[in-house]
Amino acid sequence: MPRRNGTGPTGQGPIVGRGRGRQPGGFGLGPGGFCVCPQCGEKVPHKRAVPCYGVKCPKCGNSMTRER
């Protein structure tokens, strides 16, 4: 910052909206798709606003993961 006044590099104007963005580690796959059991391979449809790791497999009871 040239003059420490928040304008950033010369000629680029004020620095606005340059936050951290997305949190790392999420797949960001949207509301559709499937949850898959890593143990037995069972698939169930993904439910919106319910993370797959919070869903238990109907066959073996293991925590599920999101299908990529």
Protein backbone atom coordinates (compact mmCIF):
# COMPACT_ATOMS: atom_id res chain seq x y z
CA MET A 1 0.00 0.00 0.00
CA PRO A 2 1.72 3.13 -1.16
CA ARG A 3 0.52 5.55 1.52
CA ARG A 4 -1.12 3.09 3.92
CA ASN A 5 -4.49 4.65 3.17
CA GLY A 6 -6.25 1.50 1.93
CA THR A 7 -5.93 2.24 -1.78
CA GLY A 8 -3.62 -0.68 -2.53
CA PRO A 9 -1.18 -0.61 -5.45
CA THR A 10 -1.07 2.63 -7.42
CA GLY A 11 -4.04 3.11 -9.75
CA GLN A 12 -6.23 0.25 -8.48
CA GLY A 13 -8.58 2.18 -6.20
CA PRO A 14 -9.75 1.08 -2.77
CA ILE A 15 -9.49 -2.53 -1.70
CA VAL A 16 -13.09 -3.67 -1.29
CA GLY A 17 -14.53 -7.18 -1.05
CA ARG A 18 -11.28 -9.07 -1.11
CA GLY A 19 -12.17 -11.39 1.74
CA ARG A 20 -11.19 -14.99 2.27
CA GLY A 21 -13.82 -16.38 -0.08
CA ARG A 22 -14.89 -20.01 0.31
CA GLN A 23 -13.78 -22.07 3.22
CA PRO A 24 -11.29 -24.77 2.18
CA GLY A 25 -12.27 -28.41 2.32
CA GLY A 26 -15.87 -28.30 1.06
CA PHE A 27 -16.85 -29.91 -2.20
CA GLY A 28 -19.41 -27.25 -3.11
CA LEU A 29 -21.40 -29.72 -5.19
CA GLY A 30 -24.81 -28.11 -4.75
CA PRO A 31 -28.10 -29.59 -3.53
CA GLY A 32 -28.26 -32.65 -5.84
CA GLY A 33 -26.20 -35.83 -5.96
CA PHE A 34 -25.76 -38.76 -3.63
CA CYS A 35 -24.33 -39.66 -0.25
CA VAL A 36 -22.22 -42.82 -0.45
CA CYS A 37 -21.09 -45.21 2.29
CA PRO A 38 -17.31 -45.71 2.19
CA GLN A 39 -17.71 -49.08 3.96
CA CYS A 40 -20.34 -50.93 1.88
CA GLY A 41 -20.95 -48.61 -1.11
CA GLU A 42 -24.66 -47.96 -0.42
CA LYS A 43 -25.98 -44.78 -2.10
CA VAL A 44 -28.80 -42.55 -0.90
CA PRO A 45 -29.98 -39.26 -2.44
CA HIS A 46 -28.40 -36.18 -0.86
CA LYS A 47 -30.86 -34.03 1.08
CA ARG A 48 -30.50 -30.27 0.92
CA ALA A 49 -29.03 -28.64 4.05
CA VAL A 50 -28.10 -32.06 5.55
CA PRO A 51 -24.39 -32.85 5.31
CA CYS A 52 -23.63 -36.41 4.22
CA TYR A 53 -21.29 -36.99 7.16
CA GLY A 54 -24.35 -36.56 9.42
CA VAL A 55 -26.27 -39.31 7.59
CA LYS A 56 -25.90 -42.92 8.75
CA CYS A 57 -25.82 -45.74 6.19
CA PRO A 58 -29.11 -47.68 6.17
CA LYS A 59 -27.23 -50.98 5.63
CA CYS A 60 -24.24 -50.85 7.99
CA GLY A 61 -24.70 -47.70 10.14
CA ASN A 62 -21.41 -46.07 9.07
CA SER A 63 -21.21 -42.31 8.43
CA MET A 64 -21.66 -41.50 4.76
CA THR A 65 -19.64 -39.18 2.53
CA ARG A 66 -20.55 -37.05 -0.49
CA GLU A 67 -20.18 -38.62 -3.93
CA ARG A 68 -17.92 -36.50 -6.14
